[in-house]
């Protein structure tokens, strides 16, 4: 009886021992799995940190980008200033070249009167008095024209020229037979002038058609 009881206790001890070994093995496996998972998570975190570090530019790259941006702004500003300087210089030159435009335009009617007086005197058949008046008028006209030319005034050529609306203002048309005279200036009713290349009065002309 005692022998059977002892055998039974021995069996129980073996069962408990086996159970403890099995539980220990399961615990070891669980620990191994947890360690592997932790190691994997750490590796993923490290990879993410490395990728983030690669995505973010370095201090040197940031400084290089800022330097390039500053250089681009400087070049643009220099180009804008150069354009402004050229524009101001051109405006100043234009102002100087046409500074007396209003005064000279006011003198143009005087030139017109001189020209008309010369035309009348040239067609006159009177004696020496008419010749003297003609010479005096020519002297006044030549002095005035010489002075105005020295300031940049120039007559616009029109007779026989092709009609050019940049310089001529057609006030009448005249029928012509010759084909080479069509659309060309046949007569001038008022002389046109330029001042340093700028038209200050268009030539009023009669055009052949």
Protein backbone atom coordinates (compact mmCIF):
# COMPACT_ATOMS: atom_id res chain seq x y z
CA UNK A 1 0.00 0.00 0.00
CA UNK A 2 2.82 2.38 0.92
CA UNK A 3 4.61 1.40 -2.22
CA UNK A 4 1.65 2.32 -4.38
CA UNK A 5 1.26 5.57 -2.54
CA UNK A 6 4.93 6.40 -3.06
CA UNK A 7 4.65 5.57 -6.74
CA UNK A 8 1.66 7.85 -7.03
CA UNK A 9 3.58 10.75 -5.41
CA UNK A 10 6.50 10.15 -7.73
CA UNK A 11 4.18 10.36 -10.74
CA UNK A 12 2.69 13.59 -9.44
CA UNK A 13 6.14 15.11 -9.02
CA UNK A 14 7.05 14.16 -12.59
CA UNK A 15 3.82 15.70 -13.92
CA UNK A 16 4.47 18.92 -11.98
CA UNK A 17 8.06 18.95 -13.20
CA UNK A 18 6.98 18.48 -16.81
CA UNK A 19 4.41 21.22 -16.43
CA UNK A 20 7.03 23.55 -14.97
CA UNK A 21 9.45 22.75 -17.84
CA UNK A 22 6.71 23.35 -20.43
CA UNK A 23 5.75 26.67 -18.77
CA UNK A 24 9.41 27.68 -18.68
CA UNK A 25 9.81 26.85 -22.35
CA UNK A 26 6.73 28.89 -23.23
CA UNK A 27 8.02 31.78 -21.12
CA UNK A 28 11.40 31.64 -22.89
CA UNK A 29 9.69 31.61 -26.30
CA UNK A 30 7.53 34.58 -25.30
CA UNK A 31 10.61 36.47 -24.13
CA UNK A 32 12.40 35.65 -27.38
CA UNK A 33 9.43 36.91 -29.41
CA UNK A 34 9.24 40.11 -27.35
CA UNK A 35 12.95 40.70 -27.79
CA UNK A 36 12.71 40.14 -31.54
CA UNK A 37 9.76 42.52 -31.79
CA UNK A 38 11.60 45.16 -29.77
CA UNK A 39 14.69 44.74 -31.94
CA UNK A 40 12.61 45.07 -35.10
CA UNK A 41 10.87 48.19 -33.80
CA UNK A 42 14.23 49.73 -32.87
CA UNK A 43 15.56 49.00 -36.35
CA UNK A 44 12.52 50.61 -37.97
CA UNK A 45 12.87 53.69 -35.74
CA UNK A 46 16.54 54.00 -36.67
CA UNK A 47 15.74 53.71 -40.40
CA UNK A 48 13.03 56.36 -40.06
CA UNK A 49 15.45 58.68 -38.26
CA UNK A 50 18.07 58.16 -40.99
CA UNK A 51 15.52 58.89 -43.75
CA UNK A 52 14.36 62.02 -41.93
CA UNK A 53 17.96 63.15 -41.56
CA UNK A 54 18.51 62.61 -45.30
CA UNK A 55 15.32 64.53 -46.18
CA UNK A 56 16.29 67.56 -44.08
CA UNK A 57 19.04 69.61 -45.81
CA UNK A 58 22.28 70.11 -43.98
CA UNK A 59 23.41 73.48 -42.63
CA UNK A 60 25.87 73.81 -45.51
CA UNK A 61 23.14 73.16 -48.07
CA UNK A 62 20.85 75.71 -46.39
CA UNK A 63 23.60 78.35 -46.43
CA UNK A 64 24.36 77.60 -50.09
CA UNK A 65 20.68 77.99 -51.01
CA UNK A 66 20.43 81.30 -49.12
CA UNK A 67 23.61 82.57 -50.83
CA UNK A 68 22.23 81.66 -54.27
CA UNK A 69 18.94 83.41 -53.46
CA UNK A 70 20.72 86.55 -52.27
CA UNK A 71 22.94 86.56 -55.38
CA UNK A 72 19.87 86.24 -57.65
CA UNK A 73 18.16 89.16 -55.87
CA UNK A 74 21.33 91.27 -56.24
CA UNK A 75 21.57 90.56 -59.98
CA UNK A 76 17.90 91.45 -60.49
CA UNK A 77 18.26 94.66 -58.48
CA UNK A 78 21.38 95.65 -60.42
CA UNK A 79 19.59 95.04 -63.74
CA UNK A 80 16.59 97.10 -62.64
CA UNK A 81 18.82 99.96 -61.52
CA UNK A 82 20.73 99.87 -64.82
CA UNK A 83 17.45 100.06 -66.77
CA UNK A 84 16.31 102.96 -64.58
CA UNK A 85 19.61 104.80 -65.10
CA UNK A 86 19.37 104.39 -68.88
CA UNK A 87 15.75 105.56 -68.93
CA UNK A 88 16.55 108.65 -66.86
CA UNK A 89 19.56 109.44 -69.06
CA UNK A 90 17.42 109.15 -72.21
CA UNK A 91 14.67 111.34 -70.74
CA UNK A 92 17.28 113.92 -69.72
CA UNK A 93 18.79 113.89 -73.22
CA UNK A 94 15.35 114.27 -74.80
CA UNK A 95 14.57 117.15 -72.46
CA UNK A 96 17.82 118.93 -73.35
CA UNK A 97 17.39 118.41 -77.10
CA UNK A 98 13.82 119.79 -77.08
CA UNK A 99 14.18 122.36 -74.28
CA UNK A 100 13.51 125.29 -76.65
CA UNK A 101 10.72 123.55 -78.59
CA UNK A 102 7.97 125.94 -77.47
CA UNK A 103 10.07 129.02 -78.25
CA UNK A 104 11.03 127.75 -81.68
CA UNK A 105 7.46 126.73 -82.50
CA UNK A 106 6.43 130.28 -81.63
CA UNK A 107 8.93 131.63 -84.17
CA UNK A 108 7.72 129.44 -87.02
CA UNK A 109 4.93 131.88 -88.02
CA UNK A 110 7.65 134.55 -88.42
CA UNK A 111 9.41 132.24 -90.86
CA UNK A 112 6.13 131.76 -92.70
CA UNK A 113 5.68 135.54 -93.04
CA UNK A 114 9.23 135.92 -94.34
CA UNK A 115 8.65 133.21 -96.92
CA UNK A 116 5.39 134.81 -98.08
CA UNK A 117 7.05 138.23 -98.29
CA UNK A 118 9.84 136.75 -100.40
CA UNK A 119 7.31 135.12 -102.72
CA UNK A 120 5.52 138.45 -103.24
CA UNK A 121 8.77 140.32 -103.79
CA UNK A 122 10.02 137.71 -106.25
CA UNK A 123 6.87 138.09 -108.33
CA UNK A 124 6.96 141.88 -108.15
CA UNK A 125 8.04 143.87 -111.25
CA UNK A 126 8.67 147.13 -109.42
CA UNK A 127 11.89 149.06 -109.53
CA UNK A 128 14.97 149.20 -107.33
CA UNK A 129 12.84 149.72 -104.16
CA UNK A 130 11.31 146.27 -104.61
CA UNK A 131 14.77 144.78 -105.12
CA UNK A 132 16.03 146.43 -101.94
CA UNK A 133 13.00 145.19 -99.98
CA UNK A 134 13.58 141.69 -101.33
CA UNK A 135 17.22 141.72 -100.28
CA UNK A 136 16.36 143.04 -96.82
CA UNK A 137 13.69 140.40 -96.31
CA UNK A 138 16.06 137.66 -97.47
CA UNK A 139 18.67 138.90 -94.98
CA UNK A 140 16.17 138.74 -92.09
CA UNK A 141 14.96 135.33 -93.21
CA UNK A 142 18.45 133.86 -93.57
CA UNK A 143 19.56 135.15 -90.17
CA UNK A 144 16.49 133.76 -88.45
CA UNK A 145 16.72 130.43 -90.25
CA UNK A 146 20.44 130.15 -89.53
CA UNK A 147 19.86 130.71 -85.83
CA UNK A 148 17.03 128.16 -85.65
CA UNK A 149 19.05 125.59 -87.58
CA UNK A 150 21.85 125.98 -85.05
CA UNK A 151 19.30 124.91 -82.41
CA UNK A 152 18.41 121.76 -84.33
CA UNK A 153 15.59 122.97 -86.58
CA UNK A 154 15.33 121.39 -90.02
CA UNK A 155 12.71 121.79 -92.79
CA UNK A 156 10.83 118.67 -93.84
CA UNK A 157 11.39 117.85 -97.50
CA UNK A 158 8.09 117.20 -99.21
CA UNK A 159 7.88 118.24 -102.90
CA UNK A 160 8.16 115.15 -105.11
CA UNK A 161 8.37 112.81 -102.11
CA UNK A 162 6.11 109.84 -101.46
CA UNK A 163 3.38 110.73 -98.97
CA UNK A 164 4.71 109.83 -95.51
CA UNK A 165 2.22 110.29 -92.69
CA UNK A 166 5.10 110.40 -90.20
CA UNK A 167 6.06 113.80 -91.67
CA UNK A 168 3.26 114.92 -94.02
CA UNK A 169 -0.36 115.91 -93.49
CA UNK A 170 -2.40 115.64 -96.68
CA UNK A 171 -4.84 118.56 -96.83
CA UNK A 172 -5.87 118.16 -100.48
CA UNK A 173 -5.61 115.90 -103.50
CA UNK A 174 -4.84 116.88 -107.08
CA UNK A 175 -5.42 114.69 -110.15
CA UNK A 176 -2.24 114.02 -112.16
CA UNK A 177 -1.72 112.22 -115.47
CA UNK A 178 1.77 110.87 -114.84
CA UNK A 179 1.80 107.54 -113.01
CA UNK A 180 5.08 108.35 -111.25
CA UNK A 181 3.48 111.38 -109.58
CA UNK A 182 0.56 109.51 -108.04
CA UNK A 183 0.55 109.42 -104.22
CA UNK A 184 3.41 111.89 -104.23
CA UNK A 185 3.49 115.42 -102.83
CA UNK A 186 2.46 117.88 -105.53
CA UNK A 187 2.51 121.09 -103.48
CA UNK A 188 3.17 122.34 -99.91
CA UNK A 189 0.68 124.72 -98.30
CA UNK A 190 2.61 125.00 -95.03
CA UNK A 191 6.24 124.05 -94.43
CA UNK A 192 6.86 121.34 -91.81
CA UNK A 193 9.82 121.20 -89.45
CA UNK A 194 11.72 118.80 -87.18
CA UNK A 195 13.69 119.71 -84.06
CA UNK A 196 16.62 117.39 -83.43
CA UNK A 197 14.84 114.69 -85.41
CA UNK A 198 11.45 115.14 -83.71
CA UNK A 199 8.53 116.47 -85.77
CA UNK A 200 7.27 119.70 -84.21
CA UNK A 201 5.04 120.64 -87.17
CA UNK A 202 3.82 118.37 -89.95
CA UNK A 203 4.13 119.58 -93.51
CA UNK A 204 0.68 120.32 -94.96
CA UNK A 205 0.75 119.01 -98.50
CA UNK A 206 -1.27 118.45 -101.65
CA UNK A 207 -1.02 114.88 -102.96
CA UNK A 208 -1.30 113.76 -106.56
CA UNK A 209 -3.90 111.08 -107.37
